[in-house]
Amino acid sequence: FMILKSRRYISYSFYIKFQEYSEYENNFSNDLKICIINISKMDKGRHILDKFVNLHVHTVGSLLDGLTKPTELVDRTLQLEQPAFAVTDHGVMFSIPDTAQYAEKKGQKFIPGFEAYTVENHLIKNKEERSSESEVSRKHLLILAKNNDGYKRMMKICSEGMTNGFYYRPRIDDKVLEQFGTDGLICCSACIAGSVSQ
């Protein structure tokens, strides 16, 4: 849970859904209420979301998974006074150029990334592999570019998934990460479908 600027709202992780705190207050345990109050007091005049940076965001580039337009995302993060934000679409980097240009124009820090689909061997493309590749065997990995060198590596990794690893989805494996290296990249556990969660 996060306390928003007005301190009357809460937000669930991964959803931009703001509801009046009072609507949910009775559903919280006393421990959570105390936690929220303590965070509020610790804040000392600064707002929690001023320091919050969302590193896992899907845009219209994530087909059937994200509806946010890059321009709307930049404007919203500026409205919330967040210092930066990332775009991590599923298996692609289509929305990064537009997002980067608009963020630069508005003076907002942008972190490019993507959420990779990882499998044991991204080169296998047959019916046996398709039937065995369930949501459990296909994991997610969040990859963020730390610098320009990392961005170039990330483009190569993403391109490998789209060209040689594509089978219903762009996929990579550990050998792809070893091949292109991970210098300049930050890899995160991603969502519930990530390796750490599974």
C-alpha atoms as a PDB file:
ATOM      1  CA  PHE A   1       0.000   0.000   0.000  1.00  0.00           C
ATOM      2  CA  MET A   2       1.113   3.549  -0.646  1.00  0.00           C
ATOM      3  CA  ILE A   3      -0.251   6.787   0.754  1.00  0.00           C
ATOM      4  CA  LEU A   4      -0.880   9.345  -1.940  1.00  0.00           C
ATOM      5  CA  LYS A   5      -0.297  13.076  -1.803  1.00  0.00           C
ATOM      6  CA  SER A   6      -3.549  13.978  -0.059  1.00  0.00           C
ATOM      7  CA  ARG A   7      -3.044  11.177   2.505  1.00  0.00           C
ATOM      8  CA  ARG A   8      -6.733  10.326   2.106  1.00  0.00           C
ATOM      9  CA  TYR A   9      -6.151   7.754  -0.616  1.00  0.00           C
ATOM     10  CA  ILE A  10      -4.484   4.385  -0.939  1.00  0.00           C
ATOM     11  CA  SER A  11      -3.282   2.507  -3.990  1.00  0.00           C
ATOM     12  CA  TYR A  12      -2.870  -1.194  -4.661  1.00  0.00           C
ATOM     13  CA  SER A  13       0.420  -2.154  -6.286  1.00  0.00           C
ATOM     14  CA  PHE A  14       0.343  -2.643 -10.079  1.00  0.00           C
ATOM     15  CA  TYR A  15      -2.997  -0.810 -10.436  1.00  0.00           C
ATOM     16  CA  ILE A  16      -3.692   2.882 -10.856  1.00  0.00           C
ATOM     17  CA  LYS A  17      -6.824   2.656  -8.756  1.00  0.00           C
ATOM     18  CA  PHE A  18      -7.411   5.278  -6.118  1.00  0.00           C
ATOM     19  CA  GLN A  19     -10.199   4.931  -3.586  1.00  0.00           C
ATOM     20  CA  GLU A  20     -11.134   6.893  -0.504  1.00  0.00           C
ATOM     21  CA  TYR A  21      -9.182   5.543   2.459  1.00  0.00           C
ATOM     22  CA  SER A  22     -12.303   5.703   4.647  1.00  0.00           C
ATOM     23  CA  GLU A  23     -14.069   3.157   2.384  1.00  0.00           C
ATOM     24  CA  TYR A  24     -11.430   0.546   3.229  1.00  0.00           C
ATOM     25  CA  GLU A  25     -10.470   1.605   6.740  1.00  0.00           C
ATOM     26  CA  ASN A  26     -12.677  -0.986   8.460  1.00  0.00           C
ATOM     27  CA  ASN A  27     -11.176  -3.788   6.344  1.00  0.00           C
ATOM     28  CA  PHE A  28      -7.629  -3.150   7.564  1.00  0.00           C
ATOM     29  CA  SER A  29      -6.132  -4.800  10.607  1.00  0.00           C
ATOM     30  CA  ASN A  30      -4.961  -2.524  13.410  1.00  0.00           C
ATOM     31  CA  ASP A  31      -1.348  -3.325  12.485  1.00  0.00           C
ATOM     32  CA  LEU A  32      -1.829  -1.970   8.967  1.00  0.00           C
ATOM     33  CA  LYS A  33      -3.594   1.157  10.264  1.00  0.00           C
ATOM     34  CA  ILE A  34      -0.702   1.786  12.656  1.00  0.00           C
ATOM     35  CA  CYS A  35       1.791   1.176   9.832  1.00  0.00           C
ATOM     36  CA  ILE A  36       0.022   3.745   7.634  1.00  0.00           C
ATOM     37  CA  ILE A  37      -0.058   6.288  10.474  1.00  0.00           C
ATOM     38  CA  ASN A  38       3.629   5.716  11.269  1.00  0.00           C
ATOM     39  CA  ILE A  39       4.653   6.121   7.624  1.00  0.00           C
ATOM     40  CA  SER A  40       2.627   9.325   7.546  1.00  0.00           C
ATOM     41  CA  LYS A  41       4.402  10.670  10.631  1.00  0.00           C
ATOM     42  CA  MET A  42       7.840   9.593   9.365  1.00  0.00           C
ATOM     43  CA  ASP A  43       7.211  11.498   6.170  1.00  0.00           C
ATOM     44  CA  LYS A  44       7.880  14.873   7.885  1.00  0.00           C
ATOM     45  CA  GLY A  45       6.118  17.019   5.313  1.00  0.00           C
ATOM     46  CA  ARG A  46       7.289  15.214   2.190  1.00  0.00           C
ATOM     47  CA  HIS A  47       4.906  12.991   0.329  1.00  0.00           C
ATOM     48  CA  ILE A  48       5.613   9.291  -0.075  1.00  0.00           C
ATOM     49  CA  LEU A  49       4.964   9.285  -3.811  1.00  0.00           C
ATOM     50  CA  ASP A  50       7.433  12.144  -4.318  1.00  0.00           C
ATOM     51  CA  LYS A  51      10.125   9.498  -3.743  1.00  0.00           C
ATOM     52  CA  PHE A  52       8.312   6.600  -5.387  1.00  0.00           C
ATOM     53  CA  VAL A  53       9.501   5.376  -8.813  1.00  0.00           C
ATOM     54  CA  ASN A  54       7.446   2.706 -10.545  1.00  0.00           C
ATOM     55  CA  LEU A  55       9.839   0.326 -12.315  1.00  0.00           C
ATOM     56  CA  HIS A  56       7.191  -2.035 -13.721  1.00  0.00           C
ATOM     57  CA  VAL A  57       4.779  -0.263 -16.071  1.00  0.00           C
ATOM     58  CA  HIS A  58       3.008  -1.526 -19.192  1.00  0.00           C
ATOM     59  CA  THR A  59       1.839   0.774 -21.965  1.00  0.00           C
ATOM     60  CA  VAL A  60      -0.048   0.208 -25.219  1.00  0.00           C
ATOM     61  CA  GLY A  61       3.158  -1.537 -26.374  1.00  0.00           C
ATOM     62  CA  SER A  62       2.129  -4.525 -24.239  1.00  0.00           C
ATOM     63  CA  LEU A  63      -0.591  -5.876 -26.480  1.00  0.00           C
ATOM     64  CA  LEU A  64      -3.754  -6.754 -24.551  1.00  0.00           C
ATOM     65  CA  ASP A  65      -1.983  -5.957 -21.280  1.00  0.00           C
ATOM     66  CA  GLY A  66      -1.579  -2.183 -21.139  1.00  0.00           C
ATOM     67  CA  LEU A  67      -3.793   0.724 -22.122  1.00  0.00           C
ATOM     68  CA  THR A  68      -1.677   3.663 -21.012  1.00  0.00           C
ATOM     69  CA  LYS A  69      -0.352   5.931 -23.744  1.00  0.00           C
ATOM     70  CA  PRO A  70       3.251   7.069 -23.193  1.00  0.00           C
ATOM     71  CA  THR A  71       2.248  10.742 -23.138  1.00  0.00           C
ATOM     72  CA  GLU A  72      -0.404  10.081 -20.476  1.00  0.00           C
ATOM     73  CA  LEU A  73       2.118   8.161 -18.393  1.00  0.00           C
ATOM     74  CA  VAL A  74       4.650  10.999 -18.446  1.00  0.00           C
ATOM     75  CA  ASP A  75       1.985  13.571 -17.581  1.00  0.00           C
ATOM     76  CA  ARG A  76       0.671  11.429 -14.708  1.00  0.00           C
ATOM     77  CA  THR A  77       4.097  10.915 -13.135  1.00  0.00           C
ATOM     78  CA  LEU A  78       4.725  14.647 -13.340  1.00  0.00           C
ATOM     79  CA  GLN A  79       1.330  15.319 -11.793  1.00  0.00           C
ATOM     80  CA  LEU A  80       2.219  12.987  -8.896  1.00  0.00           C
ATOM     81  CA  GLU A  81       5.635  14.707  -8.641  1.00  0.00           C
ATOM     82  CA  GLN A  82       7.476  11.421  -9.045  1.00  0.00           C
ATOM     83  CA  PRO A  83      11.193  11.840  -9.852  1.00  0.00           C
ATOM     84  CA  ALA A  84      11.266   9.189 -12.611  1.00  0.00           C
ATOM     85  CA  PHE A  85       9.444   6.215 -14.139  1.00  0.00           C
ATOM     86  CA  ALA A  86      10.151   3.152 -16.273  1.00  0.00           C
ATOM     87  CA  VAL A  87       8.369   1.495 -19.193  1.00  0.00           C
ATOM     88  CA  THR A  88       8.597  -2.304 -19.263  1.00  0.00           C
ATOM     89  CA  ASP A  89       6.348  -3.706 -21.968  1.00  0.00           C
ATOM     90  CA  HIS A  90       6.048  -7.472 -22.469  1.00  0.00           C
ATOM     91  CA  GLY A  91       8.840  -8.710 -24.735  1.00  0.00           C
ATOM     92  CA  VAL A  92       9.042  -5.518 -26.820  1.00  0.00           C
ATOM     93  CA  MET A  93      10.466  -2.003 -26.767  1.00  0.00           C
ATOM     94  CA  PHE A  94       8.055  -0.393 -29.233  1.00  0.00           C
ATOM     95  CA  SER A  95       6.917   2.479 -27.035  1.00  0.00           C
ATOM     96  CA  ILE A  96      10.355   3.500 -25.748  1.00  0.00           C
ATOM     97  CA  PRO A  97      11.255   6.048 -28.487  1.00  0.00           C
ATOM     98  CA  ASP A  98       7.990   7.999 -28.150  1.00  0.00           C
ATOM     99  CA  THR A  99       8.125   7.843 -24.363  1.00  0.00           C
ATOM    100  CA  ALA A 100      11.763   8.987 -24.238  1.00  0.00           C
ATOM    101  CA  GLN A 101      11.131  11.923 -26.581  1.00  0.00           C
ATOM    102  CA  TYR A 102       8.061  13.124 -24.704  1.00  0.00           C
ATOM    103  CA  ALA A 103       9.702  12.643 -21.287  1.00  0.00           C
ATOM    104  CA  GLU A 104      12.739  14.645 -22.409  1.00  0.00           C
ATOM    105  CA  LYS A 105      10.473  17.398 -23.731  1.00  0.00           C
ATOM    106  CA  LYS A 106       8.640  17.553 -20.381  1.00  0.00           C
ATOM    107  CA  GLY A 107      11.821  17.271 -18.292  1.00  0.00           C
ATOM    108  CA  GLN A 108      10.930  13.924 -16.702  1.00  0.00           C
ATOM    109  CA  LYS A 109      13.542  11.216 -16.062  1.00  0.00           C
ATOM    110  CA  PHE A 110      12.756   8.048 -18.011  1.00  0.00           C
ATOM    111  CA  ILE A 111      14.159   4.539 -17.450  1.00  0.00           C
ATOM    112  CA  PRO A 112      13.867   2.267 -20.513  1.00  0.00           C
ATOM    113  CA  GLY A 113      13.232  -1.421 -20.028  1.00  0.00           C
ATOM    114  CA  PHE A 114      11.163  -4.428 -21.001  1.00  0.00           C
ATOM    115  CA  GLU A 115       9.694  -7.513 -19.374  1.00  0.00           C
ATOM    116  CA  ALA A 116      11.240 -10.540 -21.036  1.00  0.00           C
ATOM    117  CA  TYR A 117       9.673 -13.959 -21.378  1.00  0.00           C
ATOM    118  CA  THR A 118      12.281 -16.524 -20.345  1.00  0.00           C
ATOM    119  CA  VAL A 119      12.297 -20.240 -21.131  1.00  0.00           C
ATOM    120  CA  GLU A 120      14.873 -23.013 -20.812  1.00  0.00           C
ATOM    121  CA  ASN A 121      15.777 -22.933 -24.523  1.00  0.00           C
ATOM    122  CA  HIS A 122      14.466 -20.072 -26.647  1.00  0.00           C
ATOM    123  CA  LEU A 123      15.436 -21.823 -29.908  1.00  0.00           C
ATOM    124  CA  ILE A 124      13.030 -24.769 -29.501  1.00  0.00           C
ATOM    125  CA  LYS A 125       9.944 -24.183 -31.648  1.00  0.00           C
ATOM    126  CA  ASN A 126       7.912 -27.325 -31.998  1.00  0.00           C
ATOM    127  CA  LYS A 127       4.549 -28.610 -30.819  1.00  0.00           C
ATOM    128  CA  GLU A 128       6.068 -30.554 -27.936  1.00  0.00           C
ATOM    129  CA  GLU A 129       7.664 -27.394 -26.610  1.00  0.00           C
ATOM    130  CA  ARG A 130       4.446 -25.447 -27.107  1.00  0.00           C
ATOM    131  CA  SER A 131       2.373 -27.934 -25.150  1.00  0.00           C
ATOM    132  CA  SER A 132       4.922 -28.105 -22.344  1.00  0.00           C
ATOM    133  CA  GLU A 133       5.357 -24.333 -22.215  1.00  0.00           C
ATOM    134  CA  SER A 134       2.682 -23.344 -19.750  1.00  0.00           C
ATOM    135  CA  GLU A 135       2.517 -20.181 -17.698  1.00  0.00           C
ATOM    136  CA  VAL A 136       4.542 -22.054 -15.072  1.00  0.00           C
ATOM    137  CA  SER A 137       7.451 -22.961 -17.375  1.00  0.00           C
ATOM    138  CA  ARG A 138       7.558 -19.539 -19.069  1.00  0.00           C
ATOM    139  CA  LYS A 139       8.909 -17.034 -16.571  1.00  0.00           C
ATOM    140  CA  HIS A 140       9.107 -13.247 -16.641  1.00  0.00           C
ATOM    141  CA  LEU A 141      12.233 -11.163 -16.103  1.00  0.00           C
ATOM    142  CA  LEU A 142      12.242  -7.380 -15.793  1.00  0.00           C
ATOM    143  CA  ILE A 143      15.236  -5.784 -17.521  1.00  0.00           C
ATOM    144  CA  LEU A 144      16.098  -2.091 -17.079  1.00  0.00           C
ATOM    145  CA  ALA A 145      18.848  -0.075 -18.762  1.00  0.00           C
ATOM    146  CA  LYS A 146      21.192   1.576 -16.272  1.00  0.00           C
ATOM    147  CA  ASN A 147      23.122   3.528 -18.899  1.00  0.00           C
ATOM    148  CA  ASN A 148      23.617   3.825 -22.683  1.00  0.00           C
ATOM    149  CA  ASP A 149      25.747   0.669 -22.838  1.00  0.00           C
ATOM    150  CA  GLY A 150      22.987  -1.220 -21.024  1.00  0.00           C
ATOM    151  CA  TYR A 151      20.392   0.187 -23.423  1.00  0.00           C
ATOM    152  CA  LYS A 152      22.355  -1.170 -26.407  1.00  0.00           C
ATOM    153  CA  ARG A 153      22.616  -4.600 -24.758  1.00  0.00           C
ATOM    154  CA  MET A 154      18.922  -4.537 -23.944  1.00  0.00           C
ATOM    155  CA  MET A 155      18.079  -3.827 -27.601  1.00  0.00           C
ATOM    156  CA  LYS A 156      20.172  -6.821 -28.675  1.00  0.00           C
ATOM    157  CA  ILE A 157      18.538  -9.097 -26.099  1.00  0.00           C
ATOM    158  CA  CYS A 158      15.054  -7.949 -27.090  1.00  0.00           C
ATOM    159  CA  SER A 159      15.867  -8.354 -30.796  1.00  0.00           C
ATOM    160  CA  GLU A 160      17.135 -11.896 -30.201  1.00  0.00           C
ATOM    161  CA  GLY A 161      13.848 -12.755 -28.547  1.00  0.00           C
ATOM    162  CA  MET A 162      11.848 -11.296 -31.449  1.00  0.00           C
ATOM    163  CA  THR A 163      13.894 -12.834 -34.259  1.00  0.00           C
ATOM    164  CA  ASN A 164      15.329 -16.192 -33.173  1.00  0.00           C
ATOM    165  CA  GLY A 165      13.284 -16.838 -30.035  1.00  0.00           C
ATOM    166  CA  PHE A 166       9.814 -15.902 -31.237  1.00  0.00           C
ATOM    167  CA  TYR A 167       7.256 -18.680 -30.854  1.00  0.00           C
ATOM    168  CA  TYR A 168       3.855 -17.178 -30.076  1.00  0.00           C
ATOM    169  CA  ARG A 169       5.786 -14.721 -27.886  1.00  0.00           C
ATOM    170  CA  PRO A 170       9.290 -13.226 -28.007  1.00  0.00           C
ATOM    171  CA  ARG A 171      11.394 -15.433 -25.691  1.00  0.00           C
ATOM    172  CA  ILE A 172      14.927 -15.508 -24.374  1.00  0.00           C
ATOM    173  CA  ASP A 173      16.923 -17.819 -22.122  1.00  0.00           C
ATOM    174  CA  ASP A 174      19.934 -17.558 -19.803  1.00  0.00           C
ATOM    175  CA  LYS A 175      22.334 -18.197 -22.691  1.00  0.00           C
ATOM    176  CA  VAL A 176      21.101 -15.026 -24.422  1.00  0.00           C
ATOM    177  CA  LEU A 177      21.927 -13.016 -21.305  1.00  0.00           C
ATOM    178  CA  GLU A 178      25.366 -14.649 -21.172  1.00  0.00           C
ATOM    179  CA  GLN A 179      25.928 -14.023 -24.889  1.00  0.00           C
ATOM    180  CA  PHE A 180      25.174 -10.283 -24.795  1.00  0.00           C
ATOM    181  CA  GLY A 181      26.252  -9.652 -21.224  1.00  0.00           C
ATOM    182  CA  THR A 182      24.482  -7.801 -18.457  1.00  0.00           C
ATOM    183  CA  ASP A 183      26.806  -4.836 -17.874  1.00  0.00           C
ATOM    184  CA  GLY A 184      24.714  -1.702 -17.645  1.00  0.00           C
ATOM    185  CA  LEU A 185      21.531  -3.683 -17.027  1.00  0.00           C
ATOM    186  CA  ILE A 186      19.433  -4.114 -13.903  1.00  0.00           C
ATOM    187  CA  CYS A 187      17.418  -7.335 -13.769  1.00  0.00           C
ATOM    188  CA  CYS A 188      14.456  -7.546 -11.394  1.00  0.00           C
ATOM    189  CA  SER A 189      12.150 -10.335 -10.316  1.00  0.00           C
ATOM    190  CA  ALA A 190       9.191  -8.899 -12.297  1.00  0.00           C
ATOM    191  CA  CYS A 191       5.680 -10.006 -11.346  1.00  0.00           C
ATOM    192  CA  ILE A 192       4.151 -13.148  -9.859  1.00  0.00           C
ATOM    193  CA  ALA A 193       5.244 -15.009 -13.004  1.00  0.00           C
ATOM    194  CA  GLY A 194       8.899 -14.219 -12.296  1.00  0.00           C
ATOM    195  CA  SER A 195      11.469 -16.854 -11.387  1.00  0.00           C
ATOM    196  CA  VAL A 196      11.738 -15.679  -7.783  1.00  0.00           C
ATOM    197  CA  SER A 197       7.961 -15.787  -7.228  1.00  0.00           C
ATOM    198  CA  GLN A 198       7.618 -19.195  -8.882  1.00  0.00           C
END
